[in-house]
Amino acid sequence: MKLFKLIFLVLIALLGVSFSCLNASIVKVDLYIITYDVHLSMLLVFTLGIGIFLGCLFMSTIYLKLKAENLSVKNKVKWADKEINNLRSLPIKNET
């Protein structure tokens, strides 16, 4: 399995290097105030990195909300189990 991961990472690295070589042209990025001349491959990698970062940021807020909800439900289940155990320990009264 480790060999498969290593081969996969080497293939991804080779794909990245070939992508960079094929897209070595320089593009102009205009940010209204300032203009940058950047290699196309670097611009694409930078925007991909920003997208991954923002995706993880938004996903983490949802994850934390679900984690808090899960903790609340676990506490309710513990309370219900304790209540059930208390009710089972009470003697049954026959009223006839």
N, C-alpha and C. Protein backbone atom coordinates (compact mmCIF):
# COMPACT_ATOMS: atom_id res chain seq x y z
N MET A 1 0.82 -1.19 0.00
CA MET A 1 0.00 0.00 0.00
C MET A 1 0.87 1.26 0.00
N LYS A 2 1.97 1.23 0.77
CA LYS A 2 2.87 2.38 0.80
C LYS A 2 3.51 2.60 -0.56
N LEU A 3 3.83 1.52 -1.25
CA LEU A 3 4.43 1.62 -2.58
C LEU A 3 3.43 2.25 -3.55
N PHE A 4 2.17 1.86 -3.44
CA PHE A 4 1.13 2.43 -4.30
C PHE A 4 1.00 3.94 -4.06
N LYS A 5 1.04 4.37 -2.79
CA LYS A 5 0.97 5.80 -2.47
C LYS A 5 2.17 6.54 -3.03
N LEU A 6 3.35 5.94 -2.91
CA LEU A 6 4.56 6.58 -3.42
C LEU A 6 4.50 6.73 -4.94
N ILE A 7 4.07 5.69 -5.62
CA ILE A 7 3.94 5.75 -7.08
C ILE A 7 2.91 6.80 -7.47
N PHE A 8 1.80 6.86 -6.74
CA PHE A 8 0.76 7.85 -7.02
C PHE A 8 1.29 9.26 -6.84
N LEU A 9 2.04 9.51 -5.76
CA LEU A 9 2.59 10.85 -5.53
C LEU A 9 3.62 11.23 -6.59
N VAL A 10 4.43 10.27 -7.02
CA VAL A 10 5.41 10.55 -8.08
C VAL A 10 4.70 10.87 -9.38
N LEU A 11 3.64 10.15 -9.69
CA LEU A 11 2.89 10.45 -10.91
C LEU A 11 2.24 11.82 -10.85
N ILE A 12 1.71 12.19 -9.69
CA ILE A 12 1.11 13.51 -9.54
C ILE A 12 2.17 14.60 -9.69
N ALA A 13 3.36 14.37 -9.12
CA ALA A 13 4.44 15.34 -9.23
C ALA A 13 4.88 15.48 -10.70
N LEU A 14 5.01 14.36 -11.39
CA LEU A 14 5.38 14.42 -12.81
C LEU A 14 4.31 15.13 -13.63
N LEU A 15 3.07 14.88 -13.32
CA LEU A 15 1.97 15.56 -14.01
C LEU A 15 2.03 17.06 -13.76
N GLY A 16 2.34 17.45 -12.52
CA GLY A 16 2.47 18.86 -12.19
C GLY A 16 3.62 19.53 -12.92
N VAL A 17 4.75 18.84 -13.00
CA VAL A 17 5.91 19.40 -13.70
C VAL A 17 5.61 19.54 -15.19
N SER A 18 5.01 18.53 -15.78
CA SER A 18 4.68 18.62 -17.21
C SER A 18 3.64 19.71 -17.46
N PHE A 19 2.68 19.86 -16.55
CA PHE A 19 1.69 20.93 -16.67
C PHE A 19 2.37 22.30 -16.62
N SER A 20 3.32 22.44 -15.72
CA SER A 20 4.04 23.70 -15.58
C SER A 20 4.86 24.01 -16.84
N CYS A 21 5.47 22.99 -17.41
CA CYS A 21 6.27 23.19 -18.62
C CYS A 21 5.40 23.56 -19.82
N LEU A 22 4.23 22.94 -19.90
CA LEU A 22 3.35 23.22 -21.04
C LEU A 22 2.66 24.58 -20.92
N ASN A 23 2.49 25.08 -19.71
CA ASN A 23 1.82 26.36 -19.49
C ASN A 23 2.80 27.39 -18.92
N ALA A 24 3.92 27.56 -19.60
CA ALA A 24 4.95 28.47 -19.10
C ALA A 24 4.75 29.90 -19.56
N SER A 25 3.68 30.17 -20.29
CA SER A 25 3.47 31.53 -20.78
C SER A 25 3.11 32.47 -19.63
N ILE A 26 3.39 33.74 -19.86
CA ILE A 26 3.13 34.75 -18.83
C ILE A 26 1.81 35.43 -19.15
N VAL A 27 0.97 35.57 -18.13
CA VAL A 27 -0.32 36.25 -18.28
C VAL A 27 -0.32 37.48 -17.39
N LYS A 28 -1.14 38.44 -17.78
CA LYS A 28 -1.25 39.68 -17.02
C LYS A 28 -2.50 39.60 -16.15
N VAL A 29 -2.34 39.81 -14.85
CA VAL A 29 -3.45 39.79 -13.90
C VAL A 29 -3.69 41.23 -13.45
N ASP A 30 -4.88 41.75 -13.75
CA ASP A 30 -5.20 43.13 -13.41
C ASP A 30 -6.12 43.14 -12.19
N LEU A 31 -5.65 43.76 -11.09
CA LEU A 31 -6.42 43.83 -9.85
C LEU A 31 -6.94 45.25 -9.61
N TYR A 32 -7.31 45.95 -10.66
CA TYR A 32 -7.84 47.31 -10.65
C TYR A 32 -6.81 48.34 -10.21
N ILE A 33 -6.06 48.06 -9.15
CA ILE A 33 -5.09 49.02 -8.64
C ILE A 33 -3.70 48.72 -9.17
N ILE A 34 -3.38 47.45 -9.25
CA ILE A 34 -2.04 47.02 -9.64
C ILE A 34 -2.16 45.88 -10.65
N THR A 35 -1.16 45.75 -11.49
CA THR A 35 -1.14 44.70 -12.50
C THR A 35 0.10 43.83 -12.28
N TYR A 36 -0.13 42.51 -12.31
CA TYR A 36 0.95 41.55 -12.13
C TYR A 36 1.16 40.76 -13.41
N ASP A 37 2.42 40.42 -13.68
CA ASP A 37 2.76 39.48 -14.74
C ASP A 37 3.17 38.18 -14.07
N VAL A 38 2.38 37.12 -14.29
CA VAL A 38 2.56 35.85 -13.58
C VAL A 38 2.53 34.72 -14.59
N HIS A 39 3.28 33.66 -14.32
CA HIS A 39 3.20 32.46 -15.15
C HIS A 39 1.82 31.84 -14.97
N LEU A 40 1.27 31.34 -16.06
CA LEU A 40 -0.08 30.78 -16.03
C LEU A 40 -0.17 29.61 -15.07
N SER A 41 0.82 28.75 -15.07
CA SER A 41 0.77 27.58 -14.19
C SER A 41 0.79 28.00 -12.72
N MET A 42 1.58 29.01 -12.38
CA MET A 42 1.62 29.49 -10.99
C MET A 42 0.29 30.13 -10.59
N LEU A 43 -0.32 30.84 -11.51
CA LEU A 43 -1.62 31.45 -11.24
C LEU A 43 -2.68 30.38 -10.98
N LEU A 44 -2.66 29.32 -11.79
CA LEU A 44 -3.63 28.24 -11.60
C LEU A 44 -3.41 27.50 -10.29
N VAL A 45 -2.16 27.25 -9.93
CA VAL A 45 -1.85 26.58 -8.66
C VAL A 45 -2.26 27.47 -7.49
N PHE A 46 -2.02 28.77 -7.60
CA PHE A 46 -2.39 29.71 -6.54
C PHE A 46 -3.92 29.75 -6.36
N THR A 47 -4.66 29.83 -7.45
CA THR A 47 -6.13 29.86 -7.33
C THR A 47 -6.67 28.53 -6.82
N LEU A 48 -6.04 27.43 -7.19
CA LEU A 48 -6.45 26.13 -6.66
C LEU A 48 -6.21 26.08 -5.15
N GLY A 49 -5.06 26.60 -4.71
CA GLY A 49 -4.77 26.63 -3.28
C GLY A 49 -5.76 27.49 -2.51
N ILE A 50 -6.11 28.64 -3.06
CA ILE A 50 -7.11 29.50 -2.41
C ILE A 50 -8.45 28.80 -2.34
N GLY A 51 -8.82 28.10 -3.40
CA GLY A 51 -10.09 27.36 -3.41
C GLY A 51 -10.11 26.25 -2.37
N ILE A 52 -9.02 25.53 -2.24
CA ILE A 52 -8.94 24.47 -1.24
C ILE A 52 -9.02 25.06 0.16
N PHE A 53 -8.32 26.18 0.39
CA PHE A 53 -8.35 26.82 1.71
C PHE A 53 -9.76 27.29 2.06
N LEU A 54 -10.42 27.97 1.13
CA LEU A 54 -11.78 28.46 1.41
C LEU A 54 -12.76 27.31 1.60
N GLY A 55 -12.61 26.25 0.81
CA GLY A 55 -13.47 25.08 0.97
C GLY A 55 -13.30 24.45 2.35
N CYS A 56 -12.06 24.31 2.79
CA CYS A 56 -11.80 23.75 4.13
C CYS A 56 -12.34 24.67 5.22
N LEU A 57 -12.22 25.98 5.03
CA LEU A 57 -12.72 26.93 6.01
C LEU A 57 -14.23 26.82 6.16
N PHE A 58 -14.95 26.79 5.05
CA PHE A 58 -16.41 26.68 5.11
C PHE A 58 -16.83 25.32 5.62
N MET A 59 -16.10 24.27 5.25
CA MET A 59 -16.43 22.94 5.72
C MET A 59 -16.20 22.82 7.22
N SER A 60 -15.19 23.49 7.73
CA SER A 60 -14.91 23.39 9.17
C SER A 60 -16.01 24.03 10.00
N THR A 61 -16.64 25.09 9.50
CA THR A 61 -17.75 25.68 10.26
C THR A 61 -18.92 24.71 10.33
N ILE A 62 -19.22 24.02 9.25
CA ILE A 62 -20.29 23.03 9.25
C ILE A 62 -19.91 21.86 10.15
N TYR A 63 -18.65 21.45 10.10
CA TYR A 63 -18.17 20.35 10.93
C TYR A 63 -18.30 20.67 12.41
N LEU A 64 -17.90 21.88 12.79
CA LEU A 64 -17.99 22.26 14.21
C LEU A 64 -19.44 22.34 14.67
N LYS A 65 -20.33 22.80 13.81
CA LYS A 65 -21.74 22.86 14.16
C LYS A 65 -22.30 21.46 14.37
N LEU A 66 -21.95 20.53 13.49
CA LEU A 66 -22.42 19.15 13.62
C LEU A 66 -21.80 18.47 14.84
N LYS A 67 -20.54 18.81 15.15
CA LYS A 67 -19.88 18.25 16.32
C LYS A 67 -20.60 18.70 17.60
N ALA A 68 -21.00 19.97 17.67
CA ALA A 68 -21.73 20.48 18.83
C ALA A 68 -23.10 19.81 18.94
N GLU A 69 -23.77 19.62 17.82
CA GLU A 69 -25.07 18.95 17.83
C GLU A 69 -24.92 17.49 18.28
N ASN A 70 -23.87 16.83 17.83
CA ASN A 70 -23.60 15.46 18.22
C ASN A 70 -23.36 15.36 19.73
N LEU A 71 -22.61 16.29 20.29
CA LEU A 71 -22.36 16.31 21.73
C LEU A 71 -23.66 16.51 22.51
N SER A 72 -24.52 17.37 22.01
CA SER A 72 -25.81 17.60 22.66
C SER A 72 -26.66 16.33 22.64
N VAL A 73 -26.69 15.65 21.52
CA VAL A 73 -27.47 14.42 21.42
C VAL A 73 -26.89 13.34 22.33
N LYS A 74 -25.58 13.24 22.41
CA LYS A 74 -24.95 12.26 23.30
C LYS A 74 -25.31 12.53 24.75
N ASN A 75 -25.34 13.80 25.15
CA ASN A 75 -25.72 14.14 26.52
C ASN A 75 -27.17 13.77 26.79
N LYS A 76 -28.05 13.98 25.82
CA LYS A 76 -29.46 13.61 25.99
C LYS A 76 -29.62 12.10 26.11
N VAL A 77 -28.83 11.35 25.35
CA VAL A 77 -28.89 9.89 25.43
C VAL A 77 -28.39 9.41 26.78
N LYS A 78 -27.32 10.00 27.29
CA LYS A 78 -26.82 9.63 28.63
C LYS A 78 -27.88 9.90 29.69
N TRP A 79 -28.53 11.04 29.59
CA TRP A 79 -29.56 11.40 30.56
C TRP A 79 -30.72 10.41 30.47
N ALA A 80 -31.12 10.05 29.25
CA ALA A 80 -32.22 9.10 29.08
C ALA A 80 -31.83 7.72 29.61
N ASP A 81 -30.60 7.28 29.38
CA ASP A 81 -30.16 5.99 29.92
C ASP A 81 -30.16 5.99 31.44
N LYS A 82 -29.70 7.09 32.02
CA LYS A 82 -29.70 7.19 33.48
C LYS A 82 -31.13 7.15 34.01
N GLU A 83 -32.04 7.83 33.35
CA GLU A 83 -33.45 7.84 33.76
C GLU A 83 -34.06 6.44 33.65
N ILE A 84 -33.74 5.73 32.59
CA ILE A 84 -34.25 4.36 32.42
C ILE A 84 -33.72 3.45 33.51
N ASN A 85 -32.44 3.56 33.82
CA ASN A 85 -31.85 2.74 34.89
C ASN A 85 -32.49 3.06 36.24
N ASN A 86 -32.77 4.32 36.50
CA ASN A 86 -33.44 4.69 37.75
C ASN A 86 -34.85 4.11 37.81
N LEU A 87 -35.55 4.13 36.70
CA LEU A 87 -36.91 3.59 36.68
C LEU A 87 -36.91 2.08 36.84
N ARG A 88 -35.90 1.41 36.32
CA ARG A 88 -35.81 -0.06 36.45
C ARG A 88 -35.51 -0.47 37.89
N SER A 89 -34.82 0.37 38.64
CA SER A 89 -34.46 0.01 40.01
C SER A 89 -35.60 0.24 41.00
N LEU A 90 -36.62 0.96 40.60
CA LEU A 90 -37.76 1.17 41.49
C LEU A 90 -38.61 -0.09 41.60
N PRO A 91 -39.10 -0.41 42.77
CA PRO A 91 -39.95 -1.60 42.91
C PRO A 91 -41.32 -1.35 42.30
N ILE A 92 -41.90 -2.42 41.82
CA ILE A 92 -43.24 -2.31 41.21
C ILE A 92 -44.27 -2.46 42.32
N LYS A 93 -45.23 -1.54 42.36
CA LYS A 93 -46.27 -1.57 43.38
C LYS A 93 -47.54 -2.16 42.77
N ASN A 94 -48.04 -3.18 43.40
CA ASN A 94 -49.32 -3.76 42.97
C ASN A 94 -50.43 -3.14 43.75
N GLU A 95 -51.29 -2.45 43.10
CA GLU A 95 -52.44 -1.86 43.77
C GLU A 95 -53.68 -2.63 43.35
N THR A 96 -54.13 -3.46 44.23
CA THR A 96 -55.33 -4.27 43.92
C THR A 96 -56.47 -3.96 44.84
